[in-house]
Amino acid sequence: MALCAASQERLDRLGDEIARLGKGSHNTAQDFPQVVEALIDVVPAEKPFYPDDVRTWARGRGWREEDAHELGVMAETVYYTLEKLGRP
């Protein structure tokens, strides 16, 4: 599967912001709220949701494998948390 255009756009904006801050693909704890907010926007847009698509997106943007994996884990966490809360 591939991310829908809206999800791709949201992640692109997130990646651009991280690059603008000069942090490359690695996030700090202070960046997590921004990343989680972006993922909260992405997860409901994807039906069904595949965290591997987020990892593939990150690798395609030149993120290191470890960072792409971490973003995928964050995406999975957001997905399962929203699901548990009964949110779309």
PDB file of N, CA and C in Angstrom:
ATOM      1  N   MET A   1       0.850  -1.180   0.000  1.00  0.00           N
ATOM      2  CA  MET A   1       0.000   0.000   0.000  1.00  0.00           C
ATOM      3  C   MET A   1       0.896   1.242   0.000  1.00  0.00           C
ATOM      4  N   ALA A   2       0.291   2.343  -0.312  1.00  0.00           N
ATOM      5  CA  ALA A   2       0.982   3.626  -0.268  1.00  0.00           C
ATOM      6  C   ALA A   2       0.087   4.624   0.458  1.00  0.00           C
ATOM      7  N   LEU A   3       0.717   5.637   1.011  1.00  0.00           N
ATOM      8  CA  LEU A   3      -0.041   6.663   1.716  1.00  0.00           C
ATOM      9  C   LEU A   3      -0.888   7.458   0.729  1.00  0.00           C
ATOM     10  N   CYS A   4      -2.066   7.885   1.177  1.00  0.00           N
ATOM     11  CA  CYS A   4      -2.899   8.734   0.338  1.00  0.00           C
ATOM     12  C   CYS A   4      -2.221  10.101   0.206  1.00  0.00           C
ATOM     13  N   ALA A   5      -2.662  10.882  -0.755  1.00  0.00           N
ATOM     14  CA  ALA A   5      -2.038  12.175  -1.029  1.00  0.00           C
ATOM     15  C   ALA A   5      -2.090  13.104   0.187  1.00  0.00           C
ATOM     16  N   ALA A   6      -3.200  13.106   0.905  1.00  0.00           N
ATOM     17  CA  ALA A   6      -3.331  13.984   2.073  1.00  0.00           C
ATOM     18  C   ALA A   6      -2.339  13.592   3.165  1.00  0.00           C
ATOM     19  N   SER A   7      -2.173  12.297   3.397  1.00  0.00           N
ATOM     20  CA  SER A   7      -1.221  11.833   4.410  1.00  0.00           C
ATOM     21  C   SER A   7       0.205  12.150   3.990  1.00  0.00           C
ATOM     22  N   GLN A   8       0.502  11.917   2.721  1.00  0.00           N
ATOM     23  CA  GLN A   8       1.830  12.216   2.184  1.00  0.00           C
ATOM     24  C   GLN A   8       2.144  13.697   2.394  1.00  0.00           C
ATOM     25  N   GLU A   9       1.178  14.548   2.112  1.00  0.00           N
ATOM     26  CA  GLU A   9       1.362  15.989   2.264  1.00  0.00           C
ATOM     27  C   GLU A   9       1.625  16.362   3.721  1.00  0.00           C
ATOM     28  N   ARG A  10       0.872  15.780   4.639  1.00  0.00           N
ATOM     29  CA  ARG A  10       1.065  16.081   6.065  1.00  0.00           C
ATOM     30  C   ARG A  10       2.449  15.641   6.533  1.00  0.00           C
ATOM     31  N   LEU A  11       2.867  14.463   6.128  1.00  0.00           N
ATOM     32  CA  LEU A  11       4.194  13.988   6.515  1.00  0.00           C
ATOM     33  C   LEU A  11       5.286  14.812   5.843  1.00  0.00           C
ATOM     34  N   ASP A  12       5.067  15.229   4.609  1.00  0.00           N
ATOM     35  CA  ASP A  12       6.047  16.081   3.930  1.00  0.00           C
ATOM     36  C   ASP A  12       6.247  17.387   4.695  1.00  0.00           C
ATOM     37  N   ARG A  13       5.138  17.988   5.160  1.00  0.00           N
ATOM     38  CA  ARG A  13       5.255  19.225   5.947  1.00  0.00           C
ATOM     39  C   ARG A  13       6.030  18.971   7.232  1.00  0.00           C
ATOM     40  N   LEU A  14       5.766  17.846   7.892  1.00  0.00           N
ATOM     41  CA  LEU A  14       6.488  17.495   9.103  1.00  0.00           C
ATOM     42  C   LEU A  14       7.982  17.327   8.795  1.00  0.00           C
ATOM     43  N   GLY A  15       8.297  16.579   7.750  1.00  0.00           N
ATOM     44  CA  GLY A  15       9.696  16.375   7.374  1.00  0.00           C
ATOM     45  C   GLY A  15      10.388  17.679   7.029  1.00  0.00           C
ATOM     46  N   ASP A  16       9.693  18.574   6.334  1.00  0.00           N
ATOM     47  CA  ASP A  16      10.261  19.875   5.990  1.00  0.00           C
ATOM     48  C   ASP A  16      10.553  20.690   7.240  1.00  0.00           C
ATOM     49  N   GLU A  17       9.646  20.636   8.205  1.00  0.00           N
ATOM     50  CA  GLU A  17       9.843  21.380   9.453  1.00  0.00           C
ATOM     51  C   GLU A  17      11.038  20.825  10.229  1.00  0.00           C
ATOM     52  N   ILE A  18      11.165  19.524  10.292  1.00  0.00           N
ATOM     53  CA  ILE A  18      12.301  18.917  10.991  1.00  0.00           C
ATOM     54  C   ILE A  18      13.603  19.311  10.297  1.00  0.00           C
ATOM     55  N   ALA A  19      13.614  19.281   8.967  1.00  0.00           N
ATOM     56  CA  ALA A  19      14.807  19.674   8.220  1.00  0.00           C
ATOM     57  C   ALA A  19      15.120  21.157   8.440  1.00  0.00           C
ATOM     58  N   ARG A  20      14.080  21.983   8.475  1.00  0.00           N
ATOM     59  CA  ARG A  20      14.268  23.423   8.688  1.00  0.00           C
ATOM     60  C   ARG A  20      14.927  23.704  10.034  1.00  0.00           C
ATOM     61  N   LEU A  21      14.562  22.907  11.017  1.00  0.00           N
ATOM     62  CA  LEU A  21      15.143  23.069  12.346  1.00  0.00           C
ATOM     63  C   LEU A  21      16.570  22.540  12.417  1.00  0.00           C
ATOM     64  N   GLY A  22      17.017  21.923  11.322  1.00  0.00           N
ATOM     65  CA  GLY A  22      18.387  21.428  11.259  1.00  0.00           C
ATOM     66  C   GLY A  22      18.614  20.162  12.050  1.00  0.00           C
ATOM     67  N   LYS A  23      17.574  19.396  12.259  1.00  0.00           N
ATOM     68  CA  LYS A  23      17.697  18.191  13.067  1.00  0.00           C
ATOM     69  C   LYS A  23      17.784  16.942  12.224  1.00  0.00           C
ATOM     70  N   GLY A  24      17.830  17.077  10.915  1.00  0.00           N
ATOM     71  CA  GLY A  24      17.857  15.890  10.079  1.00  0.00           C
ATOM     72  C   GLY A  24      16.617  15.076  10.327  1.00  0.00           C
ATOM     73  N   SER A  25      16.777  13.779  10.471  1.00  0.00           N
ATOM     74  CA  SER A  25      15.616  12.926  10.676  1.00  0.00           C
ATOM     75  C   SER A  25      15.454  12.498  12.122  1.00  0.00           C
ATOM     76  N   HIS A  26      16.346  12.960  13.011  1.00  0.00           N
ATOM     77  CA  HIS A  26      16.258  12.519  14.399  1.00  0.00           C
ATOM     78  C   HIS A  26      15.460  13.525  15.215  1.00  0.00           C
ATOM     79  N   ASN A  27      14.542  13.031  15.991  1.00  0.00           N
ATOM     80  CA  ASN A  27      13.689  13.878  16.812  1.00  0.00           C
ATOM     81  C   ASN A  27      14.119  13.810  18.264  1.00  0.00           C
ATOM     82  N   THR A  28      13.842  14.884  18.984  1.00  0.00           N
ATOM     83  CA  THR A  28      14.080  14.912  20.422  1.00  0.00           C
ATOM     84  C   THR A  28      12.723  14.843  21.116  1.00  0.00           C
ATOM     85  N   ALA A  29      12.753  14.666  22.413  1.00  0.00           N
ATOM     86  CA  ALA A  29      11.501  14.609  23.172  1.00  0.00           C
ATOM     87  C   ALA A  29      10.683  15.876  22.977  1.00  0.00           C
ATOM     88  N   GLN A  30      11.350  17.021  22.799  1.00  0.00           N
ATOM     89  CA  GLN A  30      10.629  18.272  22.590  1.00  0.00           C
ATOM     90  C   GLN A  30       9.898  18.286  21.247  1.00  0.00           C
ATOM     91  N   ASP A  31      10.349  17.461  20.304  1.00  0.00           N
ATOM     92  CA  ASP A  31       9.713  17.399  18.994  1.00  0.00           C
ATOM     93  C   ASP A  31       8.526  16.444  18.957  1.00  0.00           C
ATOM     94  N   PHE A  32       8.416  15.566  19.950  1.00  0.00           N
ATOM     95  CA  PHE A  32       7.394  14.528  19.905  1.00  0.00           C
ATOM     96  C   PHE A  32       5.975  15.071  19.747  1.00  0.00           C
ATOM     97  N   PRO A  33       5.579  16.151  20.461  1.00  0.00           N
ATOM     98  CA  PRO A  33       4.211  16.632  20.272  1.00  0.00           C
ATOM     99  C   PRO A  33       3.911  16.973  18.815  1.00  0.00           C
ATOM    100  N   GLN A  34       4.857  17.594  18.127  1.00  0.00           N
ATOM    101  CA  GLN A  34       4.656  17.948  16.721  1.00  0.00           C
ATOM    102  C   GLN A  34       4.520  16.692  15.863  1.00  0.00           C
ATOM    103  N   VAL A  35       5.352  15.704  16.128  1.00  0.00           N
ATOM    104  CA  VAL A  35       5.299  14.455  15.363  1.00  0.00           C
ATOM    105  C   VAL A  35       3.991  13.732  15.631  1.00  0.00           C
ATOM    106  N   VAL A  36       3.604  13.638  16.902  1.00  0.00           N
ATOM    107  CA  VAL A  36       2.372  12.943  17.263  1.00  0.00           C
ATOM    108  C   VAL A  36       1.167  13.649  16.643  1.00  0.00           C
ATOM    109  N   GLU A  37       1.158  14.995  16.668  1.00  0.00           N
ATOM    110  CA  GLU A  37       0.048  15.729  16.058  1.00  0.00           C
ATOM    111  C   GLU A  37      -0.047  15.426  14.565  1.00  0.00           C
ATOM    112  N   ALA A  38       1.091  15.387  13.891  1.00  0.00           N
ATOM    113  CA  ALA A  38       1.079  15.064  12.461  1.00  0.00           C
ATOM    114  C   ALA A  38       0.550  13.653  12.243  1.00  0.00           C
ATOM    115  N   LEU A  39       0.964  12.718  13.076  1.00  0.00           N
ATOM    116  CA  LEU A  39       0.514  11.334  12.927  1.00  0.00           C
ATOM    117  C   LEU A  39      -0.964  11.189  13.259  1.00  0.00           C
ATOM    118  N   ILE A  40      -1.457  11.973  14.210  1.00  0.00           N
ATOM    119  CA  ILE A  40      -2.890  11.940  14.521  1.00  0.00           C
ATOM    120  C   ILE A  40      -3.690  12.379  13.297  1.00  0.00           C
ATOM    121  N   ASP A  41      -3.137  13.292  12.515  1.00  0.00           N
ATOM    122  CA  ASP A  41      -3.791  13.707  11.276  1.00  0.00           C
ATOM    123  C   ASP A  41      -3.702  12.637  10.202  1.00  0.00           C
ATOM    124  N   VAL A  42      -2.583  11.911  10.168  1.00  0.00           N
ATOM    125  CA  VAL A  42      -2.341  10.915   9.120  1.00  0.00           C
ATOM    126  C   VAL A  42      -3.151   9.646   9.354  1.00  0.00           C
ATOM    127  N   VAL A  43      -3.151   9.146  10.567  1.00  0.00           N
ATOM    128  CA  VAL A  43      -3.744   7.835  10.849  1.00  0.00           C
ATOM    129  C   VAL A  43      -5.206   7.737  10.408  1.00  0.00           C
ATOM    130  N   PRO A  44      -6.090   8.691  10.769  1.00  0.00           N
ATOM    131  CA  PRO A  44      -7.477   8.549  10.344  1.00  0.00           C
ATOM    132  C   PRO A  44      -7.667   8.663   8.828  1.00  0.00           C
ATOM    133  N   ALA A  45      -6.740   9.310   8.150  1.00  0.00           N
ATOM    134  CA  ALA A  45      -6.862   9.476   6.705  1.00  0.00           C
ATOM    135  C   ALA A  45      -6.591   8.169   5.962  1.00  0.00           C
ATOM    136  N   GLU A  46      -5.895   7.256   6.610  1.00  0.00           N
ATOM    137  CA  GLU A  46      -5.505   6.001   5.974  1.00  0.00           C
ATOM    138  C   GLU A  46      -6.439   4.873   6.393  1.00  0.00           C
ATOM    139  N   LYS A  47      -7.120   4.314   5.461  1.00  0.00           N
ATOM    140  CA  LYS A  47      -8.017   3.181   5.723  1.00  0.00           C
ATOM    141  C   LYS A  47      -7.698   2.076   4.743  1.00  0.00           C
ATOM    142  N   PRO A  48      -7.162   0.964   5.156  1.00  0.00           N
ATOM    143  CA  PRO A  48      -6.615   0.691   6.484  1.00  0.00           C
ATOM    144  C   PRO A  48      -5.262   1.367   6.651  1.00  0.00           C
ATOM    145  N   PHE A  49      -4.800   1.435   7.896  1.00  0.00           N
ATOM    146  CA  PHE A  49      -3.535   2.079   8.225  1.00  0.00           C
ATOM    147  C   PHE A  49      -2.415   1.048   8.276  1.00  0.00           C
ATOM    148  N   TYR A  50      -1.318   1.335   7.592  1.00  0.00           N
ATOM    149  CA  TYR A  50      -0.140   0.461   7.580  1.00  0.00           C
ATOM    150  C   TYR A  50       1.080   1.259   8.025  1.00  0.00           C
ATOM    151  N   PRO A  51       1.587   1.014   9.243  1.00  0.00           N
ATOM    152  CA  PRO A  51       2.773   1.741   9.712  1.00  0.00           C
ATOM    153  C   PRO A  51       3.970   1.592   8.776  1.00  0.00           C
ATOM    154  N   ASP A  52       4.062   0.486   8.060  1.00  0.00           N
ATOM    155  CA  ASP A  52       5.180   0.325   7.129  1.00  0.00           C
ATOM    156  C   ASP A  52       5.155   1.393   6.044  1.00  0.00           C
ATOM    157  N   ASP A  53       3.979   1.920   5.713  1.00  0.00           N
ATOM    158  CA  ASP A  53       3.905   3.001   4.729  1.00  0.00           C
ATOM    159  C   ASP A  53       4.598   4.260   5.250  1.00  0.00           C
ATOM    160  N   VAL A  54       4.483   4.503   6.550  1.00  0.00           N
ATOM    161  CA  VAL A  54       5.150   5.650   7.160  1.00  0.00           C
ATOM    162  C   VAL A  54       6.660   5.426   7.122  1.00  0.00           C
ATOM    163  N   ARG A  55       7.089   4.212   7.417  1.00  0.00           N
ATOM    164  CA  ARG A  55       8.527   3.901   7.348  1.00  0.00           C
ATOM    165  C   ARG A  55       9.053   4.066   5.930  1.00  0.00           C
ATOM    166  N   THR A  56       8.298   3.595   4.960  1.00  0.00           N
ATOM    167  CA  THR A  56       8.698   3.720   3.560  1.00  0.00           C
ATOM    168  C   THR A  56       8.792   5.188   3.163  1.00  0.00           C
ATOM    169  N   TRP A  57       7.823   5.994   3.614  1.00  0.00           N
ATOM    170  CA  TRP A  57       7.856   7.422   3.337  1.00  0.00           C
ATOM    171  C   TRP A  57       9.148   8.021   3.887  1.00  0.00           C
ATOM    172  N   ALA A  58       9.469   7.705   5.144  1.00  0.00           N
ATOM    173  CA  ALA A  58      10.661   8.272   5.783  1.00  0.00           C
ATOM    174  C   ALA A  58      11.938   7.857   5.047  1.00  0.00           C
ATOM    175  N   ARG A  59      12.033   6.582   4.699  1.00  0.00           N
ATOM    176  CA  ARG A  59      13.218   6.123   3.957  1.00  0.00           C
ATOM    177  C   ARG A  59      13.317   6.842   2.612  1.00  0.00           C
ATOM    178  N   GLY A  60      12.184   7.066   1.967  1.00  0.00           N
ATOM    179  CA  GLY A  60      12.162   7.775   0.692  1.00  0.00           C
ATOM    180  C   GLY A  60      12.601   9.228   0.803  1.00  0.00           C
ATOM    181  N   ARG A  61      12.473   9.788   1.999  1.00  0.00           N
ATOM    182  CA  ARG A  61      12.923  11.160   2.255  1.00  0.00           C
ATOM    183  C   ARG A  61      14.369  11.195   2.728  1.00  0.00           C
ATOM    184  N   GLY A  62      15.017  10.029   2.731  1.00  0.00           N
ATOM    185  CA  GLY A  62      16.429   9.986   3.111  1.00  0.00           C
ATOM    186  C   GLY A  62      16.696   9.796   4.594  1.00  0.00           C
ATOM    187  N   TRP A  63      15.647   9.422   5.351  1.00  0.00           N
ATOM    188  CA  TRP A  63      15.855   9.181   6.768  1.00  0.00           C
ATOM    189  C   TRP A  63      16.675   7.908   6.942  1.00  0.00           C
ATOM    190  N   ARG A  64      17.485   7.903   7.990  1.00  0.00           N
ATOM    191  CA  ARG A  64      18.227   6.688   8.321  1.00  0.00           C
ATOM    192  C   ARG A  64      17.221   5.594   8.688  1.00  0.00           C
ATOM    193  N   GLU A  65      17.628   4.356   8.484  1.00  0.00           N
ATOM    194  CA  GLU A  65      16.743   3.213   8.759  1.00  0.00           C
ATOM    195  C   GLU A  65      16.238   3.238  10.201  1.00  0.00           C
ATOM    196  N   GLU A  66      17.128   3.520  11.135  1.00  0.00           N
ATOM    197  CA  GLU A  66      16.749   3.549  12.556  1.00  0.00           C
ATOM    198  C   GLU A  66      15.691   4.623  12.815  1.00  0.00           C
ATOM    199  N   ASP A  67      15.863   5.794  12.216  1.00  0.00           N
ATOM    200  CA  ASP A  67      14.905   6.877  12.417  1.00  0.00           C
ATOM    201  C   ASP A  67      13.563   6.568  11.751  1.00  0.00           C
ATOM    202  N   ALA A  68      13.620   5.965  10.559  1.00  0.00           N
ATOM    203  CA  ALA A  68      12.390   5.564   9.873  1.00  0.00           C
ATOM    204  C   ALA A  68      11.635   4.538  10.714  1.00  0.00           C
ATOM    205  N   HIS A  69      12.378   3.612  11.311  1.00  0.00           N
ATOM    206  CA  HIS A  69      11.754   2.604  12.174  1.00  0.00           C
ATOM    207  C   HIS A  69      11.091   3.272  13.383  1.00  0.00           C
ATOM    208  N   GLU A  70      11.798   4.214  14.017  1.00  0.00           N
ATOM    209  CA  GLU A  70      11.243   4.901  15.182  1.00  0.00           C
ATOM    210  C   GLU A  70       9.966   5.664  14.825  1.00  0.00           C
ATOM    211  N   LEU A  71       9.949   6.306  13.655  1.00  0.00           N
ATOM    212  CA  LEU A  71       8.745   7.012  13.231  1.00  0.00           C
ATOM    213  C   LEU A  71       7.598   6.029  13.020  1.00  0.00           C
ATOM    214  N   GLY A  72       7.913   4.863  12.454  1.00  0.00           N
ATOM    215  CA  GLY A  72       6.895   3.830  12.280  1.00  0.00           C
ATOM    216  C   GLY A  72       6.343   3.349  13.609  1.00  0.00           C
ATOM    217  N   VAL A  73       7.221   3.204  14.604  1.00  0.00           N
ATOM    218  CA  VAL A  73       6.768   2.793  15.939  1.00  0.00           C
ATOM    219  C   VAL A  73       5.854   3.868  16.528  1.00  0.00           C
ATOM    220  N   MET A  74       6.232   5.125  16.347  1.00  0.00           N
ATOM    221  CA  MET A  74       5.371   6.210  16.834  1.00  0.00           C
ATOM    222  C   MET A  74       4.016   6.174  16.127  1.00  0.00           C
ATOM    223  N   ALA A  75       4.034   5.914  14.823  1.00  0.00           N
ATOM    224  CA  ALA A  75       2.777   5.834  14.067  1.00  0.00           C
ATOM    225  C   ALA A  75       1.907   4.696  14.592  1.00  0.00           C
ATOM    226  N   GLU A  76       2.523   3.547  14.863  1.00  0.00           N
ATOM    227  CA  GLU A  76       1.762   2.413  15.420  1.00  0.00           C
ATOM    228  C   GLU A  76       1.180   2.772  16.773  1.00  0.00           C
ATOM    229  N   THR A  77       1.966   3.455  17.605  1.00  0.00           N
ATOM    230  CA  THR A  77       1.504   3.842  18.932  1.00  0.00           C
ATOM    231  C   THR A  77       0.308   4.776  18.832  1.00  0.00           C
ATOM    232  N   VAL A  78       0.392   5.753  17.938  1.00  0.00           N
ATOM    233  CA  VAL A  78      -0.724   6.680  17.737  1.00  0.00           C
ATOM    234  C   VAL A  78      -1.950   5.916  17.249  1.00  0.00           C
ATOM    235  N   TYR A  79      -1.750   5.033  16.283  1.00  0.00           N
ATOM    236  CA  TYR A  79      -2.856   4.259  15.730  1.00  0.00           C
ATOM    237  C   TYR A  79      -3.571   3.457  16.822  1.00  0.00           C
ATOM    238  N   TYR A  80      -2.807   2.692  17.595  1.00  0.00           N
ATOM    239  CA  TYR A  80      -3.427   1.839  18.610  1.00  0.00           C
ATOM    240  C   TYR A  80      -4.020   2.658  19.756  1.00  0.00           C
ATOM    241  N   THR A  81      -3.433   3.790  20.060  1.00  0.00           N
ATOM    242  CA  THR A  81      -3.996   4.653  21.104  1.00  0.00           C
ATOM    243  C   THR A  81      -5.333   5.231  20.647  1.00  0.00           C
ATOM    244  N   LEU A  82      -5.373   5.731  19.408  1.00  0.00           N
ATOM    245  CA  LEU A  82      -6.640   6.262  18.888  1.00  0.00           C
ATOM    246  C   LEU A  82      -7.704   5.173  18.811  1.00  0.00           C
ATOM    247  N   GLU A  83      -7.277   3.980  18.391  1.00  0.00           N
ATOM    248  CA  GLU A  83      -8.214   2.871  18.315  1.00  0.00           C
ATOM    249  C   GLU A  83      -8.773   2.527  19.696  1.00  0.00           C
ATOM    250  N   LYS A  84      -7.898   2.493  20.682  1.00  0.00           N
ATOM    251  CA  LYS A  84      -8.320   2.181  22.055  1.00  0.00           C
ATOM    252  C   LYS A  84      -9.280   3.238  22.599  1.00  0.00           C
ATOM    253  N   LEU A  85      -9.066   4.486  22.200  1.00  0.00           N
ATOM    254  CA  LEU A  85      -9.933   5.577  22.649  1.00  0.00           C
ATOM    255  C   LEU A  85     -11.233   5.645  21.854  1.00  0.00           C
ATOM    256  N   GLY A  86     -11.351   4.787  20.830  1.00  0.00           N
ATOM    257  CA  GLY A  86     -12.546   4.754  20.020  1.00  0.00           C
ATOM    258  C   GLY A  86     -12.646   5.892  19.032  1.00  0.00           C
ATOM    259  N   ARG A  87     -11.497   6.473  18.703  1.00  0.00           N
ATOM    260  CA  ARG A  87     -11.476   7.581  17.739  1.00  0.00           C
ATOM    261  C   ARG A  87     -11.196   7.037  16.350  1.00  0.00           C
ATOM    262  N   PRO A  88     -11.764   7.707  15.376  1.00  0.00           N
ATOM    263  CA  PRO A  88     -11.510   7.267  13.976  1.00  0.00           C
ATOM    264  C   PRO A  88     -10.088   7.546  13.554  1.00  0.00           C
TER     265      PRO A  88
END
